[in-house]
Amino acid sequence: MLPPLRIGLAGLGTVGAAVLRLLERQAEVLTRRTGRKILVVAVSARDAAKQRGVDLSRFKWFDDPADLAKYGEIDLFVELIGGADGVALACVEAALGAGKSCVTANKALLAKHGMRLARLAEEKAVALSFEASVAGGIPIVKTLREGLAGNSIERVYGILNGTCNYILSRMETEGLSFEQCLSEAQKLGYAEADPTFDIGGFDTAHKLAILTSLAFGTVIDASAIAIEGIESISLADLEAASELGYRVKLLGVARRTPDGIEQRVHPTMVPKSSAIAQVMGVTNAVTIDADAVHELTLVGPGAGGEATASAIVADIADIARGVRSPPFGLPVATLSEAENAPMQLHRGGYYVRLSVFDRPGAAAAIATRFAERDISLESIVQRRRPGAGDETPGAVPVILITYATHEKIIREALDAVVDDGFLAAKPQFIRIERE
């Protein structure tokens, strides 16, 4: 039998403690599956006295995780500290530089520094693994990097943030406001005290940047992602979507187009008949469109200690077996600089909600502005009864669904409608992602 794989683990929060428990619980089966024992020999965290429900006395303690990363008695460093820079970056660089493989769940670190860390791992002939960085317990990194190696991928998209999916699901099913659902998510621990990173779409964007690189063989470029959060979504939008056969989800989408790779994060209407529309609550889902398998959807827990620990231990097991793939599927030197398609060139259908003053000529003016730009309308619904949102007195909600048009064109049309003076509020529009 091979000598044990010795692990140093930095970060003993919910996930770190779950990793220790899972490795202990599955020690025997992991030994059989990998052909060697997997042993945690040292740990580091901010507070040695904190109760974590795990006996830490059997591990060597390091106050400074950077010292642990360079510790000569470990073969593998597991980074669960978090953050795009600072301690996490210094530790991973130190471990890789010392010739130790690394496992991390840190999507922010990878989105910002993934290329240089992958290059360092290649130079030192060690592994850099990060299954847990995207979609929690869903094995999407391995699927893209290895399972679909024989496929040409056209699109990868999904629900990558459980907090946003929980909020939108509760709003739809229980008729609660965005503010009520966010408050509940914070009480349950699904959302942080400052939820901006989640509801603003930034967490999803970090994950999408990683998926884009894996799917299309490109250098990570998080700055190329167009990002919108869910703050503007109202009950009126969810009610209208349901009546029209859609459901609203915050999606991260990367797609190959004639203009380059399109990367975007925003609220999206998806047909109720689609697999991704059925995913409710804090669950995540990722759909891949590829030439050989056509459409493949993976659904599972996107966060939580046990689910994330499952992905981390899977990476550890691969390293114990001696499996070492290029972190992003191809050697860094062969990854291409993506030609990024600007959001203005995005082409698709749109949902548009207008609050229109009930005056003669208003409907004709709106229709004219859309017709001037060759925007074809699939449906127009004028709702005489109040919607789920508060309407301005004297204004009527008008819902438009367009056929495919360009982002630039729909924005120009809406600007012209605003200038005509018939609207009581800023127009709302949501992109439609059809199967």
Protein backbone atom coordinates (compact mmCIF):
# COMPACT_ATOMS: atom_id res chain seq x y z
CA MET A 1 0.00 0.00 0.00
CA LEU A 2 1.16 3.55 -0.73
CA PRO A 3 2.17 5.77 2.20
CA PRO A 4 -0.65 7.86 3.74
CA LEU A 5 -1.71 11.13 2.14
CA ARG A 6 -1.06 13.72 4.84
CA ILE A 7 -3.37 16.74 4.88
CA GLY A 8 -3.15 20.20 6.39
CA LEU A 9 -6.52 21.94 6.58
CA ALA A 10 -6.91 25.71 7.06
CA GLY A 11 -10.34 27.04 7.98
CA LEU A 12 -12.57 25.26 10.49
CA GLY A 13 -15.95 26.81 9.89
CA THR A 14 -19.05 24.85 8.94
CA VAL A 15 -17.39 23.34 5.87
CA GLY A 16 -14.01 22.64 7.45
CA ALA A 17 -15.56 20.82 10.39
CA ALA A 18 -17.77 18.84 7.99
CA VAL A 19 -14.69 17.77 6.01
CA LEU A 20 -13.04 16.43 9.16
CA ARG A 21 -16.17 14.49 10.10
CA LEU A 22 -16.62 13.07 6.60
CA LEU A 23 -13.00 11.95 6.30
CA GLU A 24 -13.30 10.21 9.68
CA ARG A 25 -16.65 8.62 8.88
CA GLN A 26 -15.53 7.34 5.48
CA ALA A 27 -11.90 6.53 6.41
CA GLU A 28 -12.14 2.81 5.69
CA VAL A 29 -13.94 3.07 2.37
CA LEU A 30 -11.66 5.90 1.20
CA THR A 31 -8.63 3.73 1.95
CA ARG A 32 -10.10 0.93 -0.16
CA ARG A 33 -11.02 3.27 -3.00
CA THR A 34 -7.71 5.11 -3.16
CA GLY A 35 -5.26 2.43 -2.07
CA ARG A 36 -3.83 4.53 0.76
CA LYS A 37 -4.85 6.08 4.06
CA ILE A 38 -5.94 9.70 4.11
CA LEU A 39 -4.87 11.45 7.30
CA VAL A 40 -5.42 15.00 8.49
CA VAL A 41 -2.28 15.78 10.48
CA ALA A 42 -2.52 19.55 11.04
CA VAL A 43 -5.13 22.31 11.11
CA SER A 44 -5.37 26.07 11.42
CA ALA A 45 -8.16 28.53 12.24
CA ARG A 46 -8.60 31.94 13.83
CA ASP A 47 -9.79 30.67 17.22
CA ALA A 48 -8.34 27.54 18.78
CA ALA A 49 -10.81 27.63 21.68
CA LYS A 50 -13.99 27.70 19.62
CA GLN A 51 -16.21 24.64 19.97
CA ARG A 52 -16.72 22.99 16.59
CA GLY A 53 -18.06 19.57 17.56
CA VAL A 54 -14.79 17.98 16.40
CA ASP A 55 -11.91 16.72 18.54
CA LEU A 56 -8.91 18.78 17.39
CA SER A 57 -6.47 17.45 19.98
CA ARG A 58 -5.18 14.78 17.58
CA PHE A 59 -4.02 17.41 15.04
CA LYS A 60 -1.02 19.71 15.15
CA TRP A 61 -2.31 23.28 15.54
CA PHE A 62 -1.01 26.27 13.56
CA ASP A 63 -2.01 29.80 14.50
CA ASP A 64 -0.73 31.03 11.14
CA PRO A 65 -2.19 29.16 8.15
CA ALA A 66 0.76 30.29 6.00
CA ASP A 67 3.04 28.25 8.28
CA LEU A 68 0.73 25.27 7.84
CA ALA A 69 0.81 25.68 4.04
CA LYS A 70 4.61 25.28 4.11
CA TYR A 71 4.69 22.57 6.78
CA GLY A 72 7.02 19.81 5.68
CA GLU A 73 4.89 17.01 7.13
CA ILE A 74 1.92 17.51 4.80
CA ASP A 75 1.44 16.48 1.17
CA LEU A 76 -1.85 18.29 0.53
CA PHE A 77 -3.11 21.70 1.68
CA VAL A 78 -6.87 22.31 1.91
CA GLU A 79 -7.81 26.01 1.86
CA LEU A 80 -11.21 26.85 3.38
CA ILE A 81 -10.38 30.36 4.58
CA GLY A 82 -12.19 32.32 1.87
CA GLY A 83 -11.57 35.66 0.19
CA ALA A 84 -10.07 36.56 -3.16
CA ASP A 85 -6.83 37.94 -1.76
CA GLY A 86 -4.96 38.20 1.52
CA VAL A 87 -4.39 35.12 3.63
CA ALA A 88 -6.12 32.64 1.31
CA LEU A 89 -4.07 33.68 -1.72
CA ALA A 90 -0.81 33.75 0.26
CA CYS A 91 -1.45 30.27 1.66
CA VAL A 92 -2.33 28.63 -1.65
CA GLU A 93 0.67 30.23 -3.34
CA ALA A 94 2.93 29.10 -0.50
CA ALA A 95 1.65 25.53 -0.61
CA LEU A 96 1.91 25.21 -4.39
CA GLY A 97 5.32 26.87 -4.33
CA ALA A 98 6.46 24.28 -1.78
CA GLY A 99 5.37 21.48 -4.12
CA LYS A 100 2.17 20.56 -2.29
CA SER A 101 -1.14 19.87 -4.00
CA CYS A 102 -4.05 22.13 -3.05
CA VAL A 103 -7.81 21.72 -2.71
CA THR A 104 -9.96 24.84 -2.35
CA ALA A 105 -13.63 25.81 -2.33
CA ASN A 106 -12.76 29.46 -2.96
CA LYS A 107 -14.53 30.68 -6.11
CA ALA A 108 -13.54 34.32 -5.54
CA LEU A 109 -9.86 33.35 -5.36
CA LEU A 110 -10.10 31.29 -8.56
CA ALA A 111 -12.09 33.91 -10.48
CA LYS A 112 -9.39 36.49 -9.75
CA HIS A 113 -6.16 34.47 -9.57
CA GLY A 114 -7.06 31.08 -11.06
CA MET A 115 -4.77 31.32 -14.06
CA ARG A 116 -1.62 32.19 -12.17
CA LEU A 117 -2.33 29.54 -9.51
CA ALA A 118 -2.95 26.92 -12.21
CA ARG A 119 0.31 27.90 -13.90
CA LEU A 120 2.18 27.52 -10.59
CA ALA A 121 0.58 24.11 -9.99
CA GLU A 122 1.69 22.98 -13.45
CA GLU A 123 5.23 24.24 -12.89
CA LYS A 124 5.46 22.29 -9.63
CA ALA A 125 3.70 19.20 -11.07
CA VAL A 126 1.07 19.20 -8.31
CA ALA A 127 -2.73 19.29 -8.31
CA LEU A 128 -4.96 22.33 -7.89
CA SER A 129 -8.51 21.06 -7.39
CA PHE A 130 -11.69 23.06 -6.78
CA GLU A 131 -14.83 20.96 -7.28
CA ALA A 132 -16.48 22.63 -4.28
CA SER A 133 -16.03 26.13 -5.69
CA VAL A 134 -19.08 25.86 -7.97
CA ALA A 135 -22.53 24.47 -7.13
CA GLY A 136 -21.61 22.81 -3.84
CA GLY A 137 -22.12 19.07 -4.00
CA ILE A 138 -22.84 18.95 -7.75
CA PRO A 139 -19.81 17.45 -9.58
CA ILE A 140 -19.92 20.05 -12.34
CA VAL A 141 -16.16 20.75 -12.51
CA LYS A 142 -15.31 17.08 -13.07
CA THR A 143 -18.19 16.78 -15.55
CA LEU A 144 -16.92 19.64 -17.71
CA ARG A 145 -13.21 18.91 -17.34
CA GLU A 146 -13.29 15.14 -17.72
CA GLY A 147 -16.76 13.66 -18.26
CA LEU A 148 -17.50 15.73 -21.38
CA ALA A 149 -13.97 15.86 -22.79
CA GLY A 150 -15.24 14.47 -26.10
CA ASN A 151 -17.94 17.11 -26.51
CA SER A 152 -18.02 20.56 -28.03
CA ILE A 153 -20.00 22.73 -25.63
CA GLU A 154 -22.27 25.46 -26.94
CA ARG A 155 -23.83 26.72 -23.72
CA VAL A 156 -23.57 26.23 -19.98
CA TYR A 157 -26.05 27.91 -17.68
CA GLY A 158 -27.59 27.43 -14.32
CA ILE A 159 -28.86 28.40 -10.91
CA LEU A 160 -25.60 28.90 -9.04
CA ASN A 161 -26.73 30.77 -5.93
CA GLY A 162 -29.08 29.14 -3.46
CA THR A 163 -29.90 32.39 -1.65
CA CYS A 164 -31.38 33.99 -4.78
CA ASN A 165 -33.25 30.85 -5.75
CA TYR A 166 -34.71 30.59 -2.23
CA ILE A 167 -35.91 34.21 -2.34
CA LEU A 168 -37.48 33.93 -5.81
CA SER A 169 -39.10 30.58 -4.92
CA ARG A 170 -40.66 31.95 -1.72
CA MET A 171 -41.86 35.09 -3.47
CA GLU A 172 -43.57 33.02 -6.16
CA THR A 173 -45.10 30.26 -4.05
CA GLU A 174 -46.13 32.31 -1.01
CA GLY A 175 -46.75 35.76 -2.48
CA LEU A 176 -44.21 37.40 -0.19
CA SER A 177 -42.28 40.56 -1.03
CA PHE A 178 -38.58 40.56 -1.86
CA GLU A 179 -37.83 42.27 1.45
CA GLN A 180 -39.79 39.67 3.46
CA CYS A 181 -38.05 36.75 1.76
CA LEU A 182 -34.60 38.29 2.15
CA SER A 183 -35.22 38.82 5.87
CA GLU A 184 -36.31 35.19 6.24
CA ALA A 185 -33.25 33.98 4.31
CA GLN A 186 -31.03 35.93 6.71
CA LYS A 187 -32.76 34.41 9.76
CA LEU A 188 -32.25 30.91 8.34
CA GLY A 189 -28.59 31.56 7.56
CA TYR A 190 -29.05 31.39 3.76
CA ALA A 191 -28.11 35.07 3.38
CA GLU A 192 -25.44 37.19 5.04
CA ALA A 193 -26.17 40.30 7.07
CA ASP A 194 -24.89 42.20 4.00
CA PRO A 195 -26.46 40.14 1.20
CA THR A 196 -25.12 42.23 -1.70
CA PHE A 197 -22.64 39.58 -2.86
CA ASP A 198 -25.46 37.07 -3.33
CA ILE A 199 -28.48 39.09 -4.43
CA GLY A 200 -26.37 41.41 -6.59
CA GLY A 201 -25.26 38.46 -8.74
CA PHE A 202 -21.53 38.66 -7.88
CA ASP A 203 -21.31 35.20 -6.29
CA THR A 204 -22.92 33.71 -9.39
CA ALA A 205 -20.50 35.64 -11.61
CA HIS A 206 -17.44 34.19 -9.87
CA LYS A 207 -18.78 30.69 -10.39
CA LEU A 208 -19.72 31.40 -14.00
CA ALA A 209 -16.19 32.64 -14.73
CA ILE A 210 -14.83 29.23 -13.67
CA LEU A 211 -17.45 27.30 -15.67
CA THR A 212 -16.76 29.39 -18.79
CA SER A 213 -13.06 28.56 -18.70
CA LEU A 214 -13.79 24.85 -18.25
CA ALA A 215 -16.48 24.75 -20.93
CA PHE A 216 -14.73 26.72 -23.67
CA GLY A 217 -11.02 26.34 -22.92
CA THR A 218 -10.54 30.04 -22.29
CA VAL A 219 -8.60 32.16 -19.83
CA ILE A 220 -10.79 33.26 -16.92
CA ASP A 221 -12.07 36.82 -17.39
CA ALA A 222 -14.58 37.70 -14.69
CA SER A 223 -14.56 41.33 -15.86
CA ALA A 224 -16.25 40.28 -19.11
CA ILE A 225 -19.42 39.13 -17.31
CA ALA A 226 -22.49 41.38 -17.49
CA ILE A 227 -24.06 41.28 -14.02
CA GLU A 228 -27.53 42.14 -12.74
CA GLY A 229 -29.04 41.04 -9.44
CA ILE A 230 -32.59 40.22 -8.37
CA GLU A 231 -33.32 43.39 -6.38
CA SER A 232 -35.68 44.79 -9.02
CA ILE A 233 -37.86 41.67 -9.32
CA SER A 234 -41.36 42.26 -7.99
CA LEU A 235 -44.36 40.09 -7.27
CA ALA A 236 -45.97 41.64 -10.35
CA ASP A 237 -43.20 40.16 -12.51
CA LEU A 238 -43.50 36.71 -10.94
CA GLU A 239 -47.28 36.71 -11.31
CA ALA A 240 -47.08 37.78 -14.97
CA ALA A 241 -44.38 35.22 -15.69
CA SER A 242 -46.50 32.43 -14.24
CA GLU A 243 -49.53 33.43 -16.29
CA LEU A 244 -47.36 33.43 -19.43
CA GLY A 245 -45.91 29.97 -18.73
CA TYR A 246 -42.56 31.09 -17.30
CA ARG A 247 -40.70 31.12 -14.01
CA VAL A 248 -38.05 33.69 -13.00
CA LYS A 249 -34.58 32.46 -11.98
CA LEU A 250 -31.25 34.18 -11.46
CA LEU A 251 -29.09 32.46 -14.06
CA GLY A 252 -25.45 32.52 -14.95
CA VAL A 253 -25.15 31.91 -18.70
CA ALA A 254 -22.08 31.36 -20.89
CA ARG A 255 -22.76 30.77 -24.56
CA ARG A 256 -20.78 30.48 -27.77
CA THR A 257 -22.08 33.03 -30.31
CA PRO A 258 -20.89 34.30 -33.72
CA ASP A 259 -19.65 37.40 -31.89
CA GLY A 260 -17.63 35.46 -29.28
CA ILE A 261 -18.29 34.02 -25.84
CA GLU A 262 -21.26 35.66 -24.14
CA GLN A 263 -21.14 35.70 -20.32
CA ARG A 264 -24.02 37.11 -18.33
CA VAL A 265 -25.71 36.93 -14.93
CA HIS A 266 -29.25 38.27 -14.57
CA PRO A 267 -32.84 37.40 -13.67
CA THR A 268 -34.18 35.24 -16.47
CA MET A 269 -37.54 33.87 -17.51
CA VAL A 270 -37.38 30.15 -18.27
CA PRO A 271 -40.28 28.02 -19.56
CA LYS A 272 -42.07 26.16 -16.78
CA SER A 273 -41.62 22.99 -18.82
CA SER A 274 -37.81 23.19 -18.61
CA ALA A 275 -35.83 21.11 -16.13
CA ILE A 276 -34.21 24.17 -14.58
CA ALA A 277 -37.59 25.78 -13.86
CA GLN A 278 -38.43 22.90 -11.49
CA VAL A 279 -35.48 23.69 -9.21
CA MET A 280 -36.79 25.49 -6.14
CA GLY A 281 -35.46 26.62 -2.77
CA VAL A 282 -31.72 26.62 -2.05
CA THR A 283 -31.02 23.90 -4.62
CA ASN A 284 -28.61 24.57 -7.51
CA ALA A 285 -28.75 23.28 -11.09
CA VAL A 286 -26.46 23.46 -14.10
CA THR A 287 -27.46 22.66 -17.69
CA ILE A 288 -24.90 21.94 -20.41
CA ASP A 289 -25.71 22.01 -24.13
CA ALA A 290 -23.16 19.92 -26.04
CA ASP A 291 -22.99 18.24 -29.43
CA ALA A 292 -22.83 14.59 -28.32
CA VAL A 293 -24.96 14.53 -25.15
CA HIS A 294 -27.22 17.38 -26.31
CA GLU A 295 -28.70 18.63 -23.03
CA LEU A 296 -27.43 17.50 -19.63
CA THR A 297 -28.79 18.91 -16.35
CA LEU A 298 -27.21 18.30 -12.95
CA VAL A 299 -29.25 19.20 -9.85
CA GLY A 300 -28.26 19.13 -6.21
CA PRO A 301 -27.41 21.01 -3.02
CA GLY A 302 -25.41 24.11 -3.85
CA ALA A 303 -24.19 24.91 -0.36
CA GLY A 304 -24.05 23.61 3.19
CA GLY A 305 -21.37 21.87 5.18
CA GLU A 306 -22.01 18.28 4.16
CA ALA A 307 -22.61 18.94 0.46
CA THR A 308 -19.53 21.13 0.12
CA ALA A 309 -17.46 18.66 2.14
CA SER A 310 -18.54 15.91 -0.27
CA ALA A 311 -16.98 17.82 -3.17
CA ILE A 312 -13.81 18.59 -1.23
CA VAL A 313 -13.34 14.95 -0.20
CA ALA A 314 -13.87 13.87 -3.82
CA ASP A 315 -10.93 16.09 -4.80
CA ILE A 316 -8.85 14.70 -1.94
CA ALA A 317 -9.62 11.14 -3.08
CA ASP A 318 -8.50 11.93 -6.64
CA ILE A 319 -5.21 13.33 -5.38
CA ALA A 320 -4.74 10.26 -3.15
CA ARG A 321 -5.17 8.08 -6.26
CA GLY A 322 -2.56 10.11 -8.11
CA VAL A 323 -5.06 11.70 -10.51
CA ARG A 324 -3.82 15.10 -11.66
CA SER A 325 -5.61 16.90 -14.45
CA PRO A 326 -4.81 20.41 -15.69
CA PRO A 327 -6.90 22.58 -13.32
CA PHE A 328 -8.95 24.14 -16.11
CA GLY A 329 -8.98 21.13 -18.42
CA LEU A 330 -6.09 22.25 -20.63
CA PRO A 331 -2.55 23.39 -19.85
CA VAL A 332 -2.65 27.09 -19.07
CA ALA A 333 -0.41 27.91 -22.05
CA THR A 334 -3.02 26.43 -24.40
CA LEU A 335 -6.04 28.26 -22.99
CA SER A 336 -7.24 30.90 -25.42
CA GLU A 337 -8.04 34.53 -24.75
CA ALA A 338 -11.78 34.60 -25.28
CA GLU A 339 -13.28 36.98 -27.77
CA ASN A 340 -15.99 38.34 -25.51
CA ALA A 341 -19.39 39.13 -26.99
CA PRO A 342 -20.65 42.43 -25.49
CA MET A 343 -24.05 42.36 -23.81
CA GLN A 344 -25.37 44.90 -26.31
CA LEU A 345 -25.17 42.18 -28.98
CA HIS A 346 -27.13 39.63 -26.95
CA ARG A 347 -30.07 38.35 -28.98
CA GLY A 348 -33.15 36.82 -27.42
CA GLY A 349 -36.73 37.33 -26.36
CA TYR A 350 -37.72 39.85 -23.70
CA TYR A 351 -40.47 40.32 -21.15
CA VAL A 352 -41.31 44.01 -20.74
CA ARG A 353 -43.58 45.43 -18.05
CA LEU A 354 -44.74 49.02 -18.48
CA SER A 355 -46.82 51.15 -16.14
CA VAL A 356 -48.71 53.23 -18.71
CA PHE A 357 -50.87 56.28 -18.03
CA ASP A 358 -54.36 55.54 -19.33
CA ARG A 359 -54.39 58.29 -21.96
CA PRO A 360 -55.39 58.39 -25.63
CA GLY A 361 -52.50 57.53 -27.94
CA ALA A 362 -50.35 55.78 -25.31
CA ALA A 363 -50.73 52.26 -26.74
CA ALA A 364 -50.18 53.49 -30.29
CA ALA A 365 -47.03 55.37 -29.30
CA ILE A 366 -45.55 52.29 -27.62
CA ALA A 367 -46.37 50.09 -30.61
CA THR A 368 -44.80 52.65 -32.93
CA ARG A 369 -41.54 52.81 -30.99
CA PHE A 370 -41.18 49.03 -31.15
CA ALA A 371 -42.18 48.85 -34.82
CA GLU A 372 -39.64 51.53 -35.75
CA ARG A 373 -36.93 49.17 -34.59
CA ASP A 374 -38.42 46.04 -36.17
CA ILE A 375 -39.18 44.48 -32.78
CA SER A 376 -41.90 41.88 -33.26
CA LEU A 377 -44.26 41.27 -30.37
CA GLU A 378 -45.32 37.76 -29.48
CA SER A 379 -47.99 38.95 -27.07
CA ILE A 380 -49.41 42.10 -25.47
CA VAL A 381 -51.42 41.94 -22.25
CA GLN A 382 -53.10 45.02 -20.80
CA ARG A 383 -54.12 44.20 -17.24
CA ARG A 384 -57.08 46.25 -16.10
CA ARG A 385 -56.99 44.70 -12.63
CA PRO A 386 -54.15 45.71 -10.31
CA GLY A 387 -51.09 43.50 -10.44
CA ALA A 388 -49.22 42.11 -7.48
CA GLY A 389 -47.13 45.29 -7.41
CA ASP A 390 -48.41 48.72 -6.43
CA GLU A 391 -49.42 50.65 -9.56
CA THR A 392 -49.44 54.44 -9.85
CA PRO A 393 -53.02 55.79 -9.75
CA GLY A 394 -54.26 56.33 -13.29
CA ALA A 395 -51.71 53.91 -14.74
CA VAL A 396 -52.33 50.49 -16.28
CA PRO A 397 -49.84 47.60 -16.33
CA VAL A 398 -48.96 46.53 -19.89
CA ILE A 399 -46.99 43.32 -20.44
CA LEU A 400 -45.12 42.73 -23.72
CA ILE A 401 -43.32 39.57 -24.82
CA THR A 402 -41.01 40.11 -27.77
CA TYR A 403 -39.61 37.74 -30.33
CA ALA A 404 -35.83 37.63 -30.58
CA THR A 405 -34.15 41.00 -30.82
CA HIS A 406 -30.88 42.56 -29.72
CA GLU A 407 -30.23 44.03 -26.27
CA LYS A 408 -29.15 47.33 -27.83
CA ILE A 409 -32.40 47.56 -29.80
CA ILE A 410 -34.75 46.80 -26.89
CA ARG A 411 -32.98 49.37 -24.74
CA GLU A 412 -33.27 52.01 -27.48
CA ALA A 413 -36.99 51.29 -27.86
CA LEU A 414 -37.62 51.58 -24.13
CA ASP A 415 -35.66 54.84 -23.94
CA ALA A 416 -37.86 56.24 -26.71
CA VAL A 417 -41.03 55.11 -24.90
CA VAL A 418 -39.83 56.84 -21.73
CA ASP A 419 -39.15 60.04 -23.67
CA ASP A 420 -42.73 60.03 -25.01
CA GLY A 421 -43.96 60.66 -21.46
CA PHE A 422 -46.64 57.99 -21.23
CA LEU A 423 -45.01 55.93 -18.45
CA ALA A 424 -45.63 56.31 -14.73
CA ALA A 425 -42.52 54.35 -13.72
CA LYS A 426 -39.24 53.04 -15.08
CA PRO A 427 -39.78 50.13 -17.51
CA GLN A 428 -38.96 46.65 -16.28
CA PHE A 429 -37.54 44.08 -18.66
CA ILE A 430 -36.36 40.52 -18.12
CA ARG A 431 -34.53 38.36 -20.65
CA ILE A 432 -36.08 35.07 -21.73
CA GLU A 433 -33.89 31.97 -22.00
CA ARG A 434 -35.63 29.37 -24.10
CA GLU A 435 -34.61 25.73 -24.39
